[in-house]
Amino acid sequence: MAGAQTIPAKMTAVAISQPGGPMVLKPEKRDVPQPGPGEILIRVHAAGVNRPDLLQRKGAYPPPPGASDLPGLEVAGEVAALGEGAARWRVGDQVCALTPGGGYAEYVTVHGSNALPLPPGFTLTEAAAVPETFFTVWHNVFERGGLKEGETLLVHGGSSGIGTTAIQLAKAFGARVVATAGSAEKCEACVKLGADRAVNYREEDFVRAVKDATDGRGANVILDMVGGDYVSRNYDAAAMEGRVVQIATMGGAMANADISKLMVKRLVHTGSTLRPRTVEFKGAVAAALEAQIWPLLATRRVAPVMDMIFPLKEAWRAHERLEEGEHVGKIVLDVG
């Protein structure tokens, strides 16, 4: 390893002892991973907690081939060692990074192209809340969905980590935003972040609300993590030439929908997952974020919304918090 700090042989990590509930997350000792060609070793200070971590814990989202079996898809910390050819970074650099797994640990390896410099003025804890949601929103809302200035974005789960990020980025690029959330308090949080309209989906029909907010035209882009019976309703809420982007199926992977609506409105219904994508793909998204979004983070025109921080060894509490659904924004582990 080029330019390594003094690195211990062993580290503390939180592993999934067996598929199940939050209490299956157990601290254990692991070998510190070694960076391969093009990779960097990060001494982790903080790690983000995301819904794919919950699915992996339950046995429903196995890591891609070659990835760590530890949960954790985003981290922030400092570069501890360089693999061969990791030319951009130096030992001691502070970075945040998207990982294919392994973030719930004191050390993690990641390809150098999937890391980004710490946004100016950010703490490492804040920076750990950036990669997973910003990579996801940028690719799905702006690259796949093609959201443009003056268009309307409908984002479901507006108070989630993804939702709070989507609201801020859409507003920063001149779009209108309608967000759905499950309580008056969460709707208020969405409006404070810039949403033009927040809809309590437990009390109000989001299709009608979107039509009212757009003078009947509908939403140009819909970011959906629900699926299920939302699919047909999204088609109703979409504008002509609208784009529906699916990033999760929390309401069910199977849907009954009237495909003629898709035809008549000339809709595009697309979707993606992030974790299995190639290092090269993620590196391209990272480059786009550094060019387009890092200047917004530097001025705090956008920033991750922080919910709660838990110690690494109490990752089970973080999972409980996320599963309860009362959070607004991001939950982070303090790895220290």
C-alpha atoms as a PDB file:
ATOM      1  CA  MET A   1       0.000   0.000   0.000  1.00  0.00           C
ATOM      2  CA  ALA A   2       1.370   3.370  -1.015  1.00  0.00           C
ATOM      3  CA  GLY A   3       1.732   6.071   1.605  1.00  0.00           C
ATOM      4  CA  ALA A   4      -0.038   4.211   4.395  1.00  0.00           C
ATOM      5  CA  GLN A   5      -0.595   5.527   7.919  1.00  0.00           C
ATOM      6  CA  THR A   6      -0.088   3.207  10.869  1.00  0.00           C
ATOM      7  CA  ILE A   7      -3.063   0.937  10.369  1.00  0.00           C
ATOM      8  CA  PRO A   8      -4.133  -1.785  12.805  1.00  0.00           C
ATOM      9  CA  ALA A   9      -4.604  -5.362  11.621  1.00  0.00           C
ATOM     10  CA  LYS A  10      -8.075  -5.578  13.130  1.00  0.00           C
ATOM     11  CA  MET A  11     -11.059  -3.245  13.275  1.00  0.00           C
ATOM     12  CA  THR A  12     -14.504  -3.096  14.843  1.00  0.00           C
ATOM     13  CA  ALA A  13     -17.358  -3.638  12.432  1.00  0.00           C
ATOM     14  CA  VAL A  14     -21.081  -4.257  12.737  1.00  0.00           C
ATOM     15  CA  ALA A  15     -22.110  -7.416  10.922  1.00  0.00           C
ATOM     16  CA  ILE A  16     -25.414  -9.154  10.210  1.00  0.00           C
ATOM     17  CA  SER A  17     -25.236 -12.265  12.405  1.00  0.00           C
ATOM     18  CA  GLN A  18     -28.262 -13.814  10.674  1.00  0.00           C
ATOM     19  CA  PRO A  19     -31.240 -12.485   8.694  1.00  0.00           C
ATOM     20  CA  GLY A  20     -33.751 -10.837  10.990  1.00  0.00           C
ATOM     21  CA  GLY A  21     -34.669  -7.771  13.016  1.00  0.00           C
ATOM     22  CA  PRO A  22     -32.433  -4.927  14.181  1.00  0.00           C
ATOM     23  CA  MET A  23     -30.904  -6.942  17.022  1.00  0.00           C
ATOM     24  CA  VAL A  24     -29.104  -9.250  14.564  1.00  0.00           C
ATOM     25  CA  LEU A  25     -26.649  -6.385  13.997  1.00  0.00           C
ATOM     26  CA  LYS A  26     -23.644  -7.367  16.131  1.00  0.00           C
ATOM     27  CA  PRO A  27     -20.265  -5.686  16.673  1.00  0.00           C
ATOM     28  CA  GLU A  28     -17.334  -7.972  15.865  1.00  0.00           C
ATOM     29  CA  LYS A  29     -13.648  -7.827  15.028  1.00  0.00           C
ATOM     30  CA  ARG A  30     -12.675  -8.043  11.359  1.00  0.00           C
ATOM     31  CA  ASP A  31      -9.444  -7.795   9.406  1.00  0.00           C
ATOM     32  CA  VAL A  32      -8.845  -4.302   8.055  1.00  0.00           C
ATOM     33  CA  PRO A  33      -9.412  -4.535   4.281  1.00  0.00           C
ATOM     34  CA  GLN A  34      -6.568  -3.851   1.858  1.00  0.00           C
ATOM     35  CA  PRO A  35      -7.054  -1.391  -1.032  1.00  0.00           C
ATOM     36  CA  GLY A  36      -6.718  -2.940  -4.476  1.00  0.00           C
ATOM     37  CA  PRO A  37      -5.705  -1.197  -7.707  1.00  0.00           C
ATOM     38  CA  GLY A  38      -7.356   2.203  -7.989  1.00  0.00           C
ATOM     39  CA  GLU A  39      -8.836   1.911  -4.499  1.00  0.00           C
ATOM     40  CA  ILE A  40      -8.367   3.917  -1.316  1.00  0.00           C
ATOM     41  CA  LEU A  41      -8.661   2.789   2.287  1.00  0.00           C
ATOM     42  CA  ILE A  42     -10.804   5.166   4.328  1.00  0.00           C
ATOM     43  CA  ARG A  43     -10.618   5.438   8.098  1.00  0.00           C
ATOM     44  CA  VAL A  44     -14.328   5.898   8.701  1.00  0.00           C
ATOM     45  CA  HIS A  45     -15.574   8.644  11.007  1.00  0.00           C
ATOM     46  CA  ALA A  46     -19.271   8.357  10.153  1.00  0.00           C
ATOM     47  CA  ALA A  47     -21.502   6.108   8.053  1.00  0.00           C
ATOM     48  CA  GLY A  48     -24.952   6.773   6.633  1.00  0.00           C
ATOM     49  CA  VAL A  49     -27.894   4.435   7.260  1.00  0.00           C
ATOM     50  CA  ASN A  50     -30.214   3.698   4.332  1.00  0.00           C
ATOM     51  CA  ARG A  51     -33.193   1.491   3.516  1.00  0.00           C
ATOM     52  CA  PRO A  52     -31.101  -0.957   1.453  1.00  0.00           C
ATOM     53  CA  ASP A  53     -29.254  -1.688   4.723  1.00  0.00           C
ATOM     54  CA  LEU A  54     -32.567  -2.793   6.263  1.00  0.00           C
ATOM     55  CA  LEU A  55     -33.302  -5.035   3.292  1.00  0.00           C
ATOM     56  CA  GLN A  56     -29.830  -6.573   3.477  1.00  0.00           C
ATOM     57  CA  ARG A  57     -30.273  -7.194   7.216  1.00  0.00           C
ATOM     58  CA  LYS A  58     -33.500  -9.081   6.468  1.00  0.00           C
ATOM     59  CA  GLY A  59     -31.762 -11.198   3.832  1.00  0.00           C
ATOM     60  CA  ALA A  60     -33.580  -9.543   0.929  1.00  0.00           C
ATOM     61  CA  TYR A  61     -30.748  -7.533  -0.670  1.00  0.00           C
ATOM     62  CA  PRO A  62     -27.492  -9.504  -0.935  1.00  0.00           C
ATOM     63  CA  PRO A  63     -24.307  -7.572  -1.675  1.00  0.00           C
ATOM     64  CA  PRO A  64     -23.078  -7.638  -5.279  1.00  0.00           C
ATOM     65  CA  PRO A  65     -20.242 -10.042  -6.174  1.00  0.00           C
ATOM     66  CA  GLY A  66     -16.956  -8.973  -4.639  1.00  0.00           C
ATOM     67  CA  ALA A  67     -18.500  -6.462  -2.218  1.00  0.00           C
ATOM     68  CA  SER A  68     -18.188  -6.638   1.561  1.00  0.00           C
ATOM     69  CA  ASP A  69     -20.918  -8.566   3.383  1.00  0.00           C
ATOM     70  CA  LEU A  70     -21.090  -5.732   5.926  1.00  0.00           C
ATOM     71  CA  PRO A  71     -23.918  -3.212   5.520  1.00  0.00           C
ATOM     72  CA  GLY A  72     -23.225   0.457   4.850  1.00  0.00           C
ATOM     73  CA  LEU A  73     -23.353   2.216   1.497  1.00  0.00           C
ATOM     74  CA  GLU A  74     -21.867   5.630   2.343  1.00  0.00           C
ATOM     75  CA  VAL A  75     -19.128   6.919   4.598  1.00  0.00           C
ATOM     76  CA  ALA A  76     -17.027   9.937   5.430  1.00  0.00           C
ATOM     77  CA  GLY A  77     -13.541   9.913   6.875  1.00  0.00           C
ATOM     78  CA  GLU A  78      -9.940  10.325   5.917  1.00  0.00           C
ATOM     79  CA  VAL A  79      -7.777   8.482   3.438  1.00  0.00           C
ATOM     80  CA  ALA A  80      -5.573   6.041   5.352  1.00  0.00           C
ATOM     81  CA  ALA A  81      -3.833   4.255   2.478  1.00  0.00           C
ATOM     82  CA  LEU A  82      -3.701   4.192  -1.318  1.00  0.00           C
ATOM     83  CA  GLY A  83      -3.908   1.241  -3.660  1.00  0.00           C
ATOM     84  CA  GLU A  84      -1.799   1.186  -6.795  1.00  0.00           C
ATOM     85  CA  GLY A  85      -2.966   3.821  -9.287  1.00  0.00           C
ATOM     86  CA  ALA A  86      -5.220   5.762  -6.911  1.00  0.00           C
ATOM     87  CA  ALA A  87      -3.703   8.960  -8.226  1.00  0.00           C
ATOM     88  CA  ARG A  88      -6.109  11.688  -7.120  1.00  0.00           C
ATOM     89  CA  TRP A  89      -5.973  11.216  -3.358  1.00  0.00           C
ATOM     90  CA  ARG A  90      -3.319  11.594  -0.693  1.00  0.00           C
ATOM     91  CA  VAL A  91      -3.132  10.009   2.737  1.00  0.00           C
ATOM     92  CA  GLY A  92      -4.900  12.330   5.177  1.00  0.00           C
ATOM     93  CA  ASP A  93      -7.377  13.739   2.650  1.00  0.00           C
ATOM     94  CA  GLN A  94     -10.895  14.066   4.047  1.00  0.00           C
ATOM     95  CA  VAL A  95     -13.471  12.447   1.779  1.00  0.00           C
ATOM     96  CA  CYS A  96     -16.975  11.104   1.570  1.00  0.00           C
ATOM     97  CA  ALA A  97     -17.681   8.087  -0.585  1.00  0.00           C
ATOM     98  CA  LEU A  98     -20.279   5.769  -2.018  1.00  0.00           C
ATOM     99  CA  THR A  99     -19.453   2.161  -1.157  1.00  0.00           C
ATOM    100  CA  PRO A 100     -20.894  -1.136  -2.437  1.00  0.00           C
ATOM    101  CA  GLY A 101     -20.985  -2.273   1.205  1.00  0.00           C
ATOM    102  CA  GLY A 102     -18.759  -2.318   4.271  1.00  0.00           C
ATOM    103  CA  GLY A 103     -19.554   1.123   5.669  1.00  0.00           C
ATOM    104  CA  TYR A 104     -20.495  -0.087   9.168  1.00  0.00           C
ATOM    105  CA  ALA A 105     -16.838  -0.417  10.121  1.00  0.00           C
ATOM    106  CA  GLU A 106     -13.773   1.533  11.208  1.00  0.00           C
ATOM    107  CA  TYR A 107     -12.135   1.052   7.792  1.00  0.00           C
ATOM    108  CA  VAL A 108     -13.537   0.495   4.299  1.00  0.00           C
ATOM    109  CA  THR A 109     -12.074   0.327   0.809  1.00  0.00           C
ATOM    110  CA  VAL A 110     -13.641   2.120  -2.139  1.00  0.00           C
ATOM    111  CA  HIS A 111     -12.550   2.920  -5.669  1.00  0.00           C
ATOM    112  CA  GLY A 112     -10.949   6.353  -5.731  1.00  0.00           C
ATOM    113  CA  SER A 113     -13.362   7.563  -8.427  1.00  0.00           C
ATOM    114  CA  ASN A 114     -16.322   6.875  -6.114  1.00  0.00           C
ATOM    115  CA  ALA A 115     -14.987   9.251  -3.449  1.00  0.00           C
ATOM    116  CA  LEU A 116     -15.428  13.011  -3.324  1.00  0.00           C
ATOM    117  CA  PRO A 117     -13.718  15.740  -1.312  1.00  0.00           C
ATOM    118  CA  LEU A 118     -15.396  16.801   1.897  1.00  0.00           C
ATOM    119  CA  PRO A 119     -17.798  19.648   0.997  1.00  0.00           C
ATOM    120  CA  PRO A 120     -16.364  22.925   2.344  1.00  0.00           C
ATOM    121  CA  GLY A 121     -17.536  23.661   5.870  1.00  0.00           C
ATOM    122  CA  PHE A 122     -19.127  20.236   6.371  1.00  0.00           C
ATOM    123  CA  THR A 123     -18.476  18.030   9.368  1.00  0.00           C
ATOM    124  CA  LEU A 124     -17.585  14.421   8.645  1.00  0.00           C
ATOM    125  CA  THR A 125     -20.931  13.404  10.150  1.00  0.00           C
ATOM    126  CA  GLU A 126     -22.818  15.645   7.723  1.00  0.00           C
ATOM    127  CA  ALA A 127     -20.706  14.477   4.799  1.00  0.00           C
ATOM    128  CA  ALA A 128     -21.568  10.839   5.538  1.00  0.00           C
ATOM    129  CA  ALA A 129     -25.212  11.734   4.857  1.00  0.00           C
ATOM    130  CA  VAL A 130     -24.485  12.962   1.322  1.00  0.00           C
ATOM    131  CA  PRO A 131     -23.371  10.212  -1.101  1.00  0.00           C
ATOM    132  CA  GLU A 132     -26.196   7.644  -1.245  1.00  0.00           C
ATOM    133  CA  THR A 133     -29.039  10.142  -1.512  1.00  0.00           C
ATOM    134  CA  PHE A 134     -27.278  12.679  -3.734  1.00  0.00           C
ATOM    135  CA  PHE A 135     -26.027  10.009  -6.158  1.00  0.00           C
ATOM    136  CA  THR A 136     -29.543   8.519  -6.257  1.00  0.00           C
ATOM    137  CA  VAL A 137     -31.413  11.785  -6.726  1.00  0.00           C
ATOM    138  CA  TRP A 138     -29.011  13.226  -9.282  1.00  0.00           C
ATOM    139  CA  HIS A 139     -29.101  10.156 -11.493  1.00  0.00           C
ATOM    140  CA  ASN A 140     -32.813   9.422 -11.199  1.00  0.00           C
ATOM    141  CA  VAL A 141     -34.361  12.901 -11.142  1.00  0.00           C
ATOM    142  CA  PHE A 142     -31.989  14.767 -13.452  1.00  0.00           C
ATOM    143  CA  GLU A 143     -30.321  12.124 -15.654  1.00  0.00           C
ATOM    144  CA  ARG A 144     -33.081   9.525 -16.025  1.00  0.00           C
ATOM    145  CA  GLY A 145     -36.011  11.850 -15.334  1.00  0.00           C
ATOM    146  CA  GLY A 146     -34.571  14.836 -17.170  1.00  0.00           C
ATOM    147  CA  LEU A 147     -36.097  17.397 -14.796  1.00  0.00           C
ATOM    148  CA  LYS A 148     -35.759  20.904 -16.228  1.00  0.00           C
ATOM    149  CA  GLU A 149     -36.181  24.426 -14.951  1.00  0.00           C
ATOM    150  CA  GLY A 150     -39.864  25.365 -14.814  1.00  0.00           C
ATOM    151  CA  GLU A 151     -41.089  21.754 -14.654  1.00  0.00           C
ATOM    152  CA  THR A 152     -42.880  20.141 -11.708  1.00  0.00           C
ATOM    153  CA  LEU A 153     -41.442  17.272  -9.655  1.00  0.00           C
ATOM    154  CA  LEU A 154     -43.685  15.036  -7.560  1.00  0.00           C
ATOM    155  CA  VAL A 155     -41.586  13.267  -4.925  1.00  0.00           C
ATOM    156  CA  HIS A 156     -43.085  10.613  -2.707  1.00  0.00           C
ATOM    157  CA  GLY A 157     -41.659  10.247   0.790  1.00  0.00           C
ATOM    158  CA  GLY A 158     -40.660  13.885   0.856  1.00  0.00           C
ATOM    159  CA  SER A 159     -39.375  13.789   4.435  1.00  0.00           C
ATOM    160  CA  SER A 160     -37.025  10.834   3.840  1.00  0.00           C
ATOM    161  CA  GLY A 161     -33.343  11.194   3.105  1.00  0.00           C
ATOM    162  CA  ILE A 162     -34.068  10.827  -0.602  1.00  0.00           C
ATOM    163  CA  GLY A 163     -37.072  13.127  -0.424  1.00  0.00           C
ATOM    164  CA  THR A 164     -35.386  15.962   1.457  1.00  0.00           C
ATOM    165  CA  THR A 165     -32.517  15.835  -1.031  1.00  0.00           C
ATOM    166  CA  ALA A 166     -34.837  15.762  -4.064  1.00  0.00           C
ATOM    167  CA  ILE A 167     -36.818  18.765  -2.825  1.00  0.00           C
ATOM    168  CA  GLN A 168     -33.694  20.871  -2.337  1.00  0.00           C
ATOM    169  CA  LEU A 169     -32.027  19.937  -5.614  1.00  0.00           C
ATOM    170  CA  ALA A 170     -35.188  20.398  -7.681  1.00  0.00           C
ATOM    171  CA  LYS A 171     -35.731  23.860  -6.196  1.00  0.00           C
ATOM    172  CA  ALA A 172     -32.068  24.780  -6.693  1.00  0.00           C
ATOM    173  CA  PHE A 173     -32.440  24.016 -10.403  1.00  0.00           C
ATOM    174  CA  GLY A 174     -35.644  26.030 -10.788  1.00  0.00           C
ATOM    175  CA  ALA A 175     -38.361  23.372 -10.647  1.00  0.00           C
ATOM    176  CA  ARG A 176     -41.648  23.348  -8.741  1.00  0.00           C
ATOM    177  CA  VAL A 177     -42.031  20.584  -6.155  1.00  0.00           C
ATOM    178  CA  VAL A 178     -44.999  18.703  -4.785  1.00  0.00           C
ATOM    179  CA  ALA A 179     -44.046  16.288  -1.983  1.00  0.00           C
ATOM    180  CA  THR A 180     -46.038  13.621  -0.191  1.00  0.00           C
ATOM    181  CA  ALA A 181     -45.497  12.708   3.466  1.00  0.00           C
ATOM    182  CA  GLY A 182     -47.406  10.909   6.200  1.00  0.00           C
ATOM    183  CA  SER A 183     -48.037  13.588   8.842  1.00  0.00           C
ATOM    184  CA  ALA A 184     -48.638  17.301   9.241  1.00  0.00           C
ATOM    185  CA  GLU A 185     -45.211  17.667  10.857  1.00  0.00           C
ATOM    186  CA  LYS A 186     -43.467  15.947   7.957  1.00  0.00           C
ATOM    187  CA  CYS A 187     -45.392  18.056   5.454  1.00  0.00           C
ATOM    188  CA  GLU A 188     -44.300  21.178   7.310  1.00  0.00           C
ATOM    189  CA  ALA A 189     -40.681  19.996   7.091  1.00  0.00           C
ATOM    190  CA  CYS A 190     -41.051  19.543   3.321  1.00  0.00           C
ATOM    191  CA  VAL A 191     -42.409  23.087   2.900  1.00  0.00           C
ATOM    192  CA  LYS A 192     -39.568  24.515   4.994  1.00  0.00           C
ATOM    193  CA  LEU A 193     -37.120  22.819   2.626  1.00  0.00           C
ATOM    194  CA  GLY A 194     -38.762  24.529  -0.337  1.00  0.00           C
ATOM    195  CA  ALA A 195     -41.636  22.301  -1.482  1.00  0.00           C
ATOM    196  CA  ASP A 196     -44.330  24.392  -3.132  1.00  0.00           C
ATOM    197  CA  ARG A 197     -46.982  21.972  -1.908  1.00  0.00           C
ATOM    198  CA  ALA A 198     -46.856  19.162   0.639  1.00  0.00           C
ATOM    199  CA  VAL A 199     -49.575  16.512   0.662  1.00  0.00           C
ATOM    200  CA  ASN A 200     -50.426  14.385   3.700  1.00  0.00           C
ATOM    201  CA  TYR A 201     -51.160  11.174   1.827  1.00  0.00           C
ATOM    202  CA  ARG A 202     -53.121   9.802   4.800  1.00  0.00           C
ATOM    203  CA  GLU A 203     -55.686  12.593   4.478  1.00  0.00           C
ATOM    204  CA  GLU A 204     -55.547  13.840   0.902  1.00  0.00           C
ATOM    205  CA  ASP A 205     -55.437  12.418  -2.628  1.00  0.00           C
ATOM    206  CA  PHE A 206     -52.042  13.281  -4.084  1.00  0.00           C
ATOM    207  CA  VAL A 207     -53.364  13.035  -7.659  1.00  0.00           C
ATOM    208  CA  ARG A 208     -55.892  15.795  -7.063  1.00  0.00           C
ATOM    209  CA  ALA A 209     -53.325  17.864  -5.155  1.00  0.00           C
ATOM    210  CA  VAL A 210     -50.831  17.646  -8.030  1.00  0.00           C
ATOM    211  CA  LYS A 211     -53.495  18.651 -10.550  1.00  0.00           C
ATOM    212  CA  ASP A 212     -54.545  21.594  -8.355  1.00  0.00           C
ATOM    213  CA  ALA A 213     -50.913  22.723  -7.960  1.00  0.00           C
ATOM    214  CA  THR A 214     -50.256  22.605 -11.713  1.00  0.00           C
ATOM    215  CA  ASP A 215     -53.497  24.029 -13.097  1.00  0.00           C
ATOM    216  CA  GLY A 216     -54.489  20.561 -14.224  1.00  0.00           C
ATOM    217  CA  ARG A 217     -51.307  19.774 -16.155  1.00  0.00           C
ATOM    218  CA  GLY A 218     -49.772  17.238 -13.776  1.00  0.00           C
ATOM    219  CA  ALA A 219     -46.194  16.481 -12.739  1.00  0.00           C
ATOM    220  CA  ASN A 220     -43.450  16.308 -15.364  1.00  0.00           C
ATOM    221  CA  VAL A 221     -41.266  14.006 -13.264  1.00  0.00           C
ATOM    222  CA  ILE A 222     -42.397  11.645 -10.494  1.00  0.00           C
ATOM    223  CA  LEU A 223     -39.840  10.094  -8.148  1.00  0.00           C
ATOM    224  CA  ASP A 224     -41.465   7.048  -6.572  1.00  0.00           C
ATOM    225  CA  MET A 225     -40.192   4.647  -3.913  1.00  0.00           C
ATOM    226  CA  VAL A 226     -43.601   3.102  -3.208  1.00  0.00           C
ATOM    227  CA  GLY A 227     -44.713   1.113  -6.253  1.00  0.00           C
ATOM    228  CA  GLY A 228     -47.771  -1.070  -5.716  1.00  0.00           C
ATOM    229  CA  ASP A 229     -51.023   0.826  -6.131  1.00  0.00           C
ATOM    230  CA  TYR A 230     -49.087   4.095  -6.540  1.00  0.00           C
ATOM    231  CA  VAL A 231     -48.132   3.107 -10.093  1.00  0.00           C
ATOM    232  CA  SER A 232     -51.609   3.652 -11.536  1.00  0.00           C
ATOM    233  CA  ARG A 233     -52.088   6.834  -9.486  1.00  0.00           C
ATOM    234  CA  ASN A 234     -48.722   8.153 -10.686  1.00  0.00           C
ATOM    235  CA  TYR A 235     -49.947   7.747 -14.263  1.00  0.00           C
ATOM    236  CA  ASP A 236     -53.009   9.819 -13.335  1.00  0.00           C
ATOM    237  CA  ALA A 237     -50.827  12.501 -11.686  1.00  0.00           C
ATOM    238  CA  ALA A 238     -48.315  12.697 -14.543  1.00  0.00           C
ATOM    239  CA  ALA A 239     -48.325  15.416 -17.187  1.00  0.00           C
ATOM    240  CA  MET A 240     -48.265  14.718 -20.901  1.00  0.00           C
ATOM    241  CA  GLU A 241     -44.764  13.440 -21.792  1.00  0.00           C
ATOM    242  CA  GLY A 242     -44.193  12.827 -18.063  1.00  0.00           C
ATOM    243  CA  ARG A 243     -41.402  10.667 -16.669  1.00  0.00           C
ATOM    244  CA  VAL A 244     -42.016   8.284 -13.756  1.00  0.00           C
ATOM    245  CA  VAL A 245     -38.823   7.062 -12.098  1.00  0.00           C
ATOM    246  CA  GLN A 246     -39.021   4.040  -9.785  1.00  0.00           C
ATOM    247  CA  ILE A 247     -36.304   3.674  -7.150  1.00  0.00           C
ATOM    248  CA  ALA A 248     -37.956   1.292  -4.650  1.00  0.00           C
ATOM    249  CA  THR A 249     -41.106  -0.754  -4.129  1.00  0.00           C
ATOM    250  CA  MET A 250     -41.928  -0.264  -0.453  1.00  0.00           C
ATOM    251  CA  GLY A 251     -45.636  -0.675  -1.267  1.00  0.00           C
ATOM    252  CA  GLY A 252     -45.101  -3.827  -3.306  1.00  0.00           C
ATOM    253  CA  ALA A 253     -43.255  -4.886  -6.442  1.00  0.00           C
ATOM    254  CA  MET A 254     -46.435  -5.960  -8.260  1.00  0.00           C
ATOM    255  CA  ALA A 255     -48.859  -3.397  -9.685  1.00  0.00           C
ATOM    256  CA  ASN A 256     -52.089  -3.251 -11.652  1.00  0.00           C
ATOM    257  CA  ALA A 257     -52.002  -0.255 -13.970  1.00  0.00           C
ATOM    258  CA  ASP A 258     -53.900   0.929 -17.023  1.00  0.00           C
ATOM    259  CA  ILE A 259     -51.152   0.916 -19.647  1.00  0.00           C
ATOM    260  CA  SER A 260     -53.354   2.918 -22.017  1.00  0.00           C
ATOM    261  CA  LYS A 261     -52.710   5.952 -19.770  1.00  0.00           C
ATOM    262  CA  LEU A 262     -49.002   5.524 -20.424  1.00  0.00           C
ATOM    263  CA  MET A 263     -49.695   5.405 -24.154  1.00  0.00           C
ATOM    264  CA  VAL A 264     -52.139   8.302 -24.312  1.00  0.00           C
ATOM    265  CA  LYS A 265     -49.922  10.575 -22.201  1.00  0.00           C
ATOM    266  CA  ARG A 266     -46.726   9.347 -23.911  1.00  0.00           C
ATOM    267  CA  LEU A 267     -45.214   8.623 -20.502  1.00  0.00           C
ATOM    268  CA  VAL A 268     -41.849   7.079 -19.757  1.00  0.00           C
ATOM    269  CA  HIS A 269     -41.763   4.747 -16.747  1.00  0.00           C
ATOM    270  CA  THR A 270     -38.186   3.906 -15.877  1.00  0.00           C
ATOM    271  CA  GLY A 271     -36.246   2.955 -12.781  1.00  0.00           C
ATOM    272  CA  SER A 272     -32.874   1.978 -11.436  1.00  0.00           C
ATOM    273  CA  THR A 273     -30.894   0.585  -8.542  1.00  0.00           C
ATOM    274  CA  LEU A 274     -27.540   2.048  -7.519  1.00  0.00           C
ATOM    275  CA  ARG A 275     -25.586  -0.533  -5.550  1.00  0.00           C
ATOM    276  CA  PRO A 276     -24.990  -3.093  -8.349  1.00  0.00           C
ATOM    277  CA  ARG A 277     -23.842  -0.494 -10.889  1.00  0.00           C
ATOM    278  CA  THR A 278     -20.250  -0.483 -12.069  1.00  0.00           C
ATOM    279  CA  VAL A 279     -17.428   1.494 -10.537  1.00  0.00           C
ATOM    280  CA  GLU A 280     -17.216   3.436 -13.823  1.00  0.00           C
ATOM    281  CA  PHE A 281     -20.898   4.390 -13.717  1.00  0.00           C
ATOM    282  CA  LYS A 282     -20.650   5.566 -10.125  1.00  0.00           C
ATOM    283  CA  GLY A 283     -17.482   7.470 -10.963  1.00  0.00           C
ATOM    284  CA  ALA A 284     -19.321   9.334 -13.731  1.00  0.00           C
ATOM    285  CA  VAL A 285     -22.102  10.273 -11.316  1.00  0.00           C
ATOM    286  CA  ALA A 286     -19.505  11.409  -8.774  1.00  0.00           C
ATOM    287  CA  ALA A 287     -17.898  13.659 -11.388  1.00  0.00           C
ATOM    288  CA  ALA A 288     -21.276  15.174 -12.245  1.00  0.00           C
ATOM    289  CA  LEU A 289     -22.017  15.803  -8.571  1.00  0.00           C
ATOM    290  CA  GLU A 290     -18.660  17.490  -8.033  1.00  0.00           C
ATOM    291  CA  ALA A 291     -19.294  19.794 -10.985  1.00  0.00           C
ATOM    292  CA  GLN A 292     -22.990  20.518 -10.452  1.00  0.00           C
ATOM    293  CA  ILE A 293     -23.778  19.988  -6.761  1.00  0.00           C
ATOM    294  CA  TRP A 294     -20.592  20.569  -4.764  1.00  0.00           C
ATOM    295  CA  PRO A 295     -20.789  24.349  -5.396  1.00  0.00           C
ATOM    296  CA  LEU A 296     -24.332  24.306  -3.946  1.00  0.00           C
ATOM    297  CA  LEU A 297     -23.131  22.372  -0.895  1.00  0.00           C
ATOM    298  CA  ALA A 298     -20.238  24.801  -0.436  1.00  0.00           C
ATOM    299  CA  THR A 299     -22.700  27.691  -0.007  1.00  0.00           C
ATOM    300  CA  ARG A 300     -25.221  25.512   1.875  1.00  0.00           C
ATOM    301  CA  ARG A 301     -27.848  26.284  -0.691  1.00  0.00           C
ATOM    302  CA  VAL A 302     -28.482  22.570  -0.302  1.00  0.00           C
ATOM    303  CA  ALA A 303     -27.434  20.350   2.603  1.00  0.00           C
ATOM    304  CA  PRO A 304     -28.405  16.986   4.040  1.00  0.00           C
ATOM    305  CA  VAL A 305     -31.171  17.139   6.628  1.00  0.00           C
ATOM    306  CA  MET A 306     -29.862  15.386   9.731  1.00  0.00           C
ATOM    307  CA  ASP A 307     -32.259  13.349  11.861  1.00  0.00           C
ATOM    308  CA  MET A 308     -30.351  11.372  14.517  1.00  0.00           C
ATOM    309  CA  ILE A 309     -26.818  10.085  15.139  1.00  0.00           C
ATOM    310  CA  PHE A 310     -26.104   6.761  16.860  1.00  0.00           C
ATOM    311  CA  PRO A 311     -22.818   5.115  17.901  1.00  0.00           C
ATOM    312  CA  LEU A 312     -21.608   2.402  15.511  1.00  0.00           C
ATOM    313  CA  LYS A 313     -22.115  -0.333  18.117  1.00  0.00           C
ATOM    314  CA  GLU A 314     -25.768   0.735  18.444  1.00  0.00           C
ATOM    315  CA  ALA A 315     -26.522   0.405  14.740  1.00  0.00           C
ATOM    316  CA  TRP A 316     -29.581  -1.628  15.744  1.00  0.00           C
ATOM    317  CA  ARG A 317     -31.079   1.541  17.254  1.00  0.00           C
ATOM    318  CA  ALA A 318     -30.512   3.387  13.978  1.00  0.00           C
ATOM    319  CA  HIS A 319     -32.318   0.603  12.116  1.00  0.00           C
ATOM    320  CA  GLU A 320     -35.207   0.755  14.584  1.00  0.00           C
ATOM    321  CA  ARG A 321     -35.445   4.515  14.045  1.00  0.00           C
ATOM    322  CA  LEU A 322     -35.521   4.106  10.263  1.00  0.00           C
ATOM    323  CA  GLU A 323     -38.115   1.324  10.393  1.00  0.00           C
ATOM    324  CA  GLU A 324     -40.389   3.319  12.711  1.00  0.00           C
ATOM    325  CA  GLY A 325     -40.693   5.903   9.940  1.00  0.00           C
ATOM    326  CA  GLU A 326     -40.763   8.926  12.242  1.00  0.00           C
ATOM    327  CA  HIS A 327     -37.452  10.316  11.001  1.00  0.00           C
ATOM    328  CA  VAL A 328     -37.029  13.431   8.881  1.00  0.00           C
ATOM    329  CA  GLY A 329     -33.867  13.327   6.787  1.00  0.00           C
ATOM    330  CA  LYS A 330     -30.799  11.192   7.388  1.00  0.00           C
ATOM    331  CA  ILE A 331     -29.744   8.835  10.169  1.00  0.00           C
ATOM    332  CA  VAL A 332     -25.980   8.473  10.649  1.00  0.00           C
ATOM    333  CA  LEU A 333     -23.644   6.236  12.646  1.00  0.00           C
ATOM    334  CA  ASP A 334     -20.770   7.851  14.555  1.00  0.00           C
ATOM    335  CA  VAL A 335     -17.836   5.523  13.926  1.00  0.00           C
ATOM    336  CA  GLY A 336     -15.315   7.895  15.462  1.00  0.00           C
END
